[in-house]
Amino acid sequence: MPELVSTRHEQPMSDYLALWHGDYSKIDSVSDSFVAYEPSAPDGEVHGPDALEAYVRELRAAFPDFTITPVALLEDAEIVMAEWTAKGTHEGEFNGLSPTGRTFDHKGMSKFIIADGKVQEERMYYDPREIAEQLGFLEE
């Protein structure tokens, strides 16, 4: 996995990525007031560390090989913009959808707000229809 090329926010971003890759001990990389705007989450939002951990656990149960790979990063004092690719194999139920055994591979971007060494907010930008199509849910 490539290293994040970041200076100011390297530790919280590396820990946050490790969390998404299944290292739940890194949950302290997010603030107590954390919020994620995630198109695939119920109601499109995840609030707080406990809800984030539960969401990532559910995602990883459905896609055990799920990975996010950062491909570009831009930062300033409190904002990190990351372009990434994500992929995984649908092996378990997710959001009420039975496993298909198919894989998805897509690109997206995230805007992070970092304060006091923790991720405060993530806004994810990607098209969930692209994933649904690759998994066979939009086929005719």
C-alpha atoms as a PDB file:
ATOM      1  CA  MET A   1       0.000   0.000   0.000  1.00  0.00           C
ATOM      2  CA  PRO A   2       1.492   3.383  -0.880  1.00  0.00           C
ATOM      3  CA  GLU A   3       2.404   5.755   1.915  1.00  0.00           C
ATOM      4  CA  LEU A   4       0.401   8.932   2.250  1.00  0.00           C
ATOM      5  CA  VAL A   5       2.540  11.848   1.185  1.00  0.00           C
ATOM      6  CA  SER A   6       1.557  14.257   3.899  1.00  0.00           C
ATOM      7  CA  THR A   7       3.517  16.280   6.380  1.00  0.00           C
ATOM      8  CA  ARG A   8       1.120  18.111   8.646  1.00  0.00           C
ATOM      9  CA  HIS A   9      -1.551  15.419   8.940  1.00  0.00           C
ATOM     10  CA  GLU A  10       0.383  12.231   8.252  1.00  0.00           C
ATOM     11  CA  GLN A  11      -0.421  10.433  11.519  1.00  0.00           C
ATOM     12  CA  PRO A  12      -4.181  11.002  11.711  1.00  0.00           C
ATOM     13  CA  MET A  13      -4.573  10.206   8.001  1.00  0.00           C
ATOM     14  CA  SER A  14      -2.465   7.023   8.224  1.00  0.00           C
ATOM     15  CA  ASP A  15      -4.382   5.896  11.310  1.00  0.00           C
ATOM     16  CA  TYR A  16      -7.727   6.668   9.657  1.00  0.00           C
ATOM     17  CA  LEU A  17      -6.769   4.627   6.596  1.00  0.00           C
ATOM     18  CA  ALA A  18      -5.640   1.742   8.849  1.00  0.00           C
ATOM     19  CA  LEU A  19      -9.065   1.862  10.528  1.00  0.00           C
ATOM     20  CA  TRP A  20     -10.790   1.390   7.153  1.00  0.00           C
ATOM     21  CA  HIS A  21      -8.433  -1.530   6.504  1.00  0.00           C
ATOM     22  CA  GLY A  22      -9.632  -3.246   9.689  1.00  0.00           C
ATOM     23  CA  ASP A  23      -7.315  -1.968  12.449  1.00  0.00           C
ATOM     24  CA  TYR A  24     -10.059  -0.948  14.882  1.00  0.00           C
ATOM     25  CA  SER A  25      -7.487   0.122  17.476  1.00  0.00           C
ATOM     26  CA  LYS A  26      -7.106   3.260  15.309  1.00  0.00           C
ATOM     27  CA  ILE A  27     -10.639   4.490  16.113  1.00  0.00           C
ATOM     28  CA  ASP A  28      -9.049   7.195  18.259  1.00  0.00           C
ATOM     29  CA  SER A  29      -7.920   8.872  15.006  1.00  0.00           C
ATOM     30  CA  VAL A  30     -11.411  10.414  14.833  1.00  0.00           C
ATOM     31  CA  SER A  31     -12.874  13.013  17.184  1.00  0.00           C
ATOM     32  CA  ASP A  32     -15.865  12.416  19.434  1.00  0.00           C
ATOM     33  CA  SER A  33     -17.842  14.799  17.205  1.00  0.00           C
ATOM     34  CA  PHE A  34     -16.774  13.008  13.994  1.00  0.00           C
ATOM     35  CA  VAL A  35     -19.196  12.951  11.059  1.00  0.00           C
ATOM     36  CA  ALA A  36     -18.815  11.238   7.683  1.00  0.00           C
ATOM     37  CA  TYR A  37     -20.966  12.079   4.708  1.00  0.00           C
ATOM     38  CA  GLU A  38     -20.897   8.682   2.990  1.00  0.00           C
ATOM     39  CA  PRO A  39     -23.283   7.964   0.089  1.00  0.00           C
ATOM     40  CA  SER A  40     -23.504   4.228   0.900  1.00  0.00           C
ATOM     41  CA  ALA A  41     -24.212   4.694   4.629  1.00  0.00           C
ATOM     42  CA  PRO A  42     -27.766   4.577   5.959  1.00  0.00           C
ATOM     43  CA  ASP A  43     -29.162   8.109   5.614  1.00  0.00           C
ATOM     44  CA  GLY A  44     -25.855   9.085   3.968  1.00  0.00           C
ATOM     45  CA  GLU A  45     -24.158   9.989   7.260  1.00  0.00           C
ATOM     46  CA  VAL A  46     -22.160   8.381  10.067  1.00  0.00           C
ATOM     47  CA  HIS A  47     -21.908  10.237  13.404  1.00  0.00           C
ATOM     48  CA  GLY A  48     -19.284   9.551  16.074  1.00  0.00           C
ATOM     49  CA  PRO A  49     -16.512   7.006  16.549  1.00  0.00           C
ATOM     50  CA  ASP A  50     -18.810   4.149  17.643  1.00  0.00           C
ATOM     51  CA  ALA A  51     -21.033   4.495  14.598  1.00  0.00           C
ATOM     52  CA  LEU A  52     -17.996   4.731  12.313  1.00  0.00           C
ATOM     53  CA  GLU A  53     -16.466   1.581  13.761  1.00  0.00           C
ATOM     54  CA  ALA A  54     -19.787  -0.271  13.416  1.00  0.00           C
ATOM     55  CA  TYR A  55     -20.108   0.909   9.798  1.00  0.00           C
ATOM     56  CA  VAL A  56     -16.546  -0.125   8.890  1.00  0.00           C
ATOM     57  CA  ARG A  57     -17.053  -3.522  10.577  1.00  0.00           C
ATOM     58  CA  GLU A  58     -20.265  -4.068   8.571  1.00  0.00           C
ATOM     59  CA  LEU A  59     -18.536  -3.003   5.359  1.00  0.00           C
ATOM     60  CA  ARG A  60     -15.557  -5.289   6.010  1.00  0.00           C
ATOM     61  CA  ALA A  61     -17.857  -8.221   6.871  1.00  0.00           C
ATOM     62  CA  ALA A  62     -19.494  -7.814   3.459  1.00  0.00           C
ATOM     63  CA  PHE A  63     -16.229  -7.020   1.637  1.00  0.00           C
ATOM     64  CA  PRO A  64     -13.446  -8.770   3.630  1.00  0.00           C
ATOM     65  CA  ASP A  65     -10.768  -7.768   1.105  1.00  0.00           C
ATOM     66  CA  PHE A  66     -11.897  -4.108   1.005  1.00  0.00           C
ATOM     67  CA  THR A  67      -9.042  -1.673   0.403  1.00  0.00           C
ATOM     68  CA  ILE A  68      -8.712   2.042  -0.153  1.00  0.00           C
ATOM     69  CA  THR A  69      -5.586   3.252  -1.917  1.00  0.00           C
ATOM     70  CA  PRO A  70      -4.787   6.976  -1.891  1.00  0.00           C
ATOM     71  CA  VAL A  71      -3.468   8.178  -5.246  1.00  0.00           C
ATOM     72  CA  ALA A  72      -3.201  11.927  -4.641  1.00  0.00           C
ATOM     73  CA  LEU A  73      -3.231  14.149  -1.615  1.00  0.00           C
ATOM     74  CA  LEU A  74      -3.415  17.903  -1.121  1.00  0.00           C
ATOM     75  CA  GLU A  75      -3.485  19.585   2.275  1.00  0.00           C
ATOM     76  CA  ASP A  76      -3.525  22.890   4.082  1.00  0.00           C
ATOM     77  CA  ALA A  77      -3.790  23.838   7.763  1.00  0.00           C
ATOM     78  CA  GLU A  78      -7.059  21.974   8.473  1.00  0.00           C
ATOM     79  CA  ILE A  79      -8.164  20.385   5.197  1.00  0.00           C
ATOM     80  CA  VAL A  80      -6.910  17.310   3.377  1.00  0.00           C
ATOM     81  CA  MET A  81      -8.225  16.439  -0.078  1.00  0.00           C
ATOM     82  CA  ALA A  82      -7.558  12.872  -1.174  1.00  0.00           C
ATOM     83  CA  GLU A  83      -8.202  11.106  -4.440  1.00  0.00           C
ATOM     84  CA  TRP A  84      -8.459   7.358  -3.936  1.00  0.00           C
ATOM     85  CA  THR A  85      -9.403   4.039  -5.422  1.00  0.00           C
ATOM     86  CA  ALA A  86     -11.437   1.455  -3.511  1.00  0.00           C
ATOM     87  CA  LYS A  87     -12.068  -2.165  -4.270  1.00  0.00           C
ATOM     88  CA  GLY A  88     -13.481  -5.273  -2.721  1.00  0.00           C
ATOM     89  CA  THR A  89     -15.315  -8.553  -3.254  1.00  0.00           C
ATOM     90  CA  HIS A  90     -18.942  -8.800  -2.146  1.00  0.00           C
ATOM     91  CA  GLU A  91     -18.918 -11.886   0.094  1.00  0.00           C
ATOM     92  CA  GLY A  92     -21.478 -10.930   2.762  1.00  0.00           C
ATOM     93  CA  GLU A  93     -24.733  -9.018   3.139  1.00  0.00           C
ATOM     94  CA  PHE A  94     -24.425  -5.221   3.029  1.00  0.00           C
ATOM     95  CA  ASN A  95     -27.276  -2.721   3.342  1.00  0.00           C
ATOM     96  CA  GLY A  96     -29.706  -5.605   2.908  1.00  0.00           C
ATOM     97  CA  LEU A  97     -28.091  -6.804  -0.341  1.00  0.00           C
ATOM     98  CA  SER A  98     -27.175 -10.475  -0.545  1.00  0.00           C
ATOM     99  CA  PRO A  99     -23.580 -11.304  -1.523  1.00  0.00           C
ATOM    100  CA  THR A 100     -22.853 -11.628  -5.229  1.00  0.00           C
ATOM    101  CA  GLY A 101     -19.236 -12.835  -5.164  1.00  0.00           C
ATOM    102  CA  ARG A 102     -18.460 -10.032  -7.612  1.00  0.00           C
ATOM    103  CA  THR A 103     -15.803  -7.377  -7.201  1.00  0.00           C
ATOM    104  CA  PHE A 104     -15.938  -3.619  -7.529  1.00  0.00           C
ATOM    105  CA  ASP A 105     -13.146  -1.172  -8.280  1.00  0.00           C
ATOM    106  CA  HIS A 106     -13.909   2.543  -8.385  1.00  0.00           C
ATOM    107  CA  LYS A 107     -12.430   5.989  -7.825  1.00  0.00           C
ATOM    108  CA  GLY A 108     -13.522   8.784  -5.546  1.00  0.00           C
ATOM    109  CA  MET A 109     -12.412  11.772  -3.559  1.00  0.00           C
ATOM    110  CA  SER A 110     -12.680  12.754   0.071  1.00  0.00           C
ATOM    111  CA  LYS A 111     -12.425  16.065   1.864  1.00  0.00           C
ATOM    112  CA  PHE A 112     -11.218  15.740   5.448  1.00  0.00           C
ATOM    113  CA  ILE A 113     -11.295  18.319   8.227  1.00  0.00           C
ATOM    114  CA  ILE A 114      -8.459  17.718  10.687  1.00  0.00           C
ATOM    115  CA  ALA A 115      -8.198  19.486  14.052  1.00  0.00           C
ATOM    116  CA  ASP A 116      -6.268  18.697  17.222  1.00  0.00           C
ATOM    117  CA  GLY A 117      -4.611  15.737  15.478  1.00  0.00           C
ATOM    118  CA  LYS A 118      -7.915  13.969  14.748  1.00  0.00           C
ATOM    119  CA  VAL A 119     -10.232  13.568  11.782  1.00  0.00           C
ATOM    120  CA  GLN A 120     -13.293  15.707  12.504  1.00  0.00           C
ATOM    121  CA  GLU A 121     -15.176  15.203   9.258  1.00  0.00           C
ATOM    122  CA  GLU A 122     -15.002  13.312   5.977  1.00  0.00           C
ATOM    123  CA  ARG A 123     -17.063  14.113   2.906  1.00  0.00           C
ATOM    124  CA  MET A 124     -16.854  11.309   0.339  1.00  0.00           C
ATOM    125  CA  TYR A 125     -17.524  11.970  -3.319  1.00  0.00           C
ATOM    126  CA  TYR A 126     -18.184   8.980  -5.571  1.00  0.00           C
ATOM    127  CA  ASP A 127     -21.012   7.427  -7.558  1.00  0.00           C
ATOM    128  CA  PRO A 128     -22.543   4.481  -5.641  1.00  0.00           C
ATOM    129  CA  ARG A 129     -24.353   3.436  -8.835  1.00  0.00           C
ATOM    130  CA  GLU A 130     -20.966   2.526 -10.300  1.00  0.00           C
ATOM    131  CA  ILE A 131     -20.442   0.033  -7.457  1.00  0.00           C
ATOM    132  CA  ALA A 132     -24.010  -1.313  -7.753  1.00  0.00           C
ATOM    133  CA  GLU A 133     -23.501  -1.844 -11.480  1.00  0.00           C
ATOM    134  CA  GLN A 134     -20.206  -3.693 -10.971  1.00  0.00           C
ATOM    135  CA  LEU A 135     -21.835  -5.921  -8.335  1.00  0.00           C
ATOM    136  CA  GLY A 136     -24.710  -6.744 -10.692  1.00  0.00           C
ATOM    137  CA  PHE A 137     -27.519  -4.872  -8.960  1.00  0.00           C
ATOM    138  CA  LEU A 138     -28.303  -2.616 -11.951  1.00  0.00           C
ATOM    139  CA  GLU A 139     -28.232  -5.269 -14.645  1.00  0.00           C
ATOM    140  CA  GLU A 140     -31.360  -5.831 -16.693  1.00  0.00           C
END
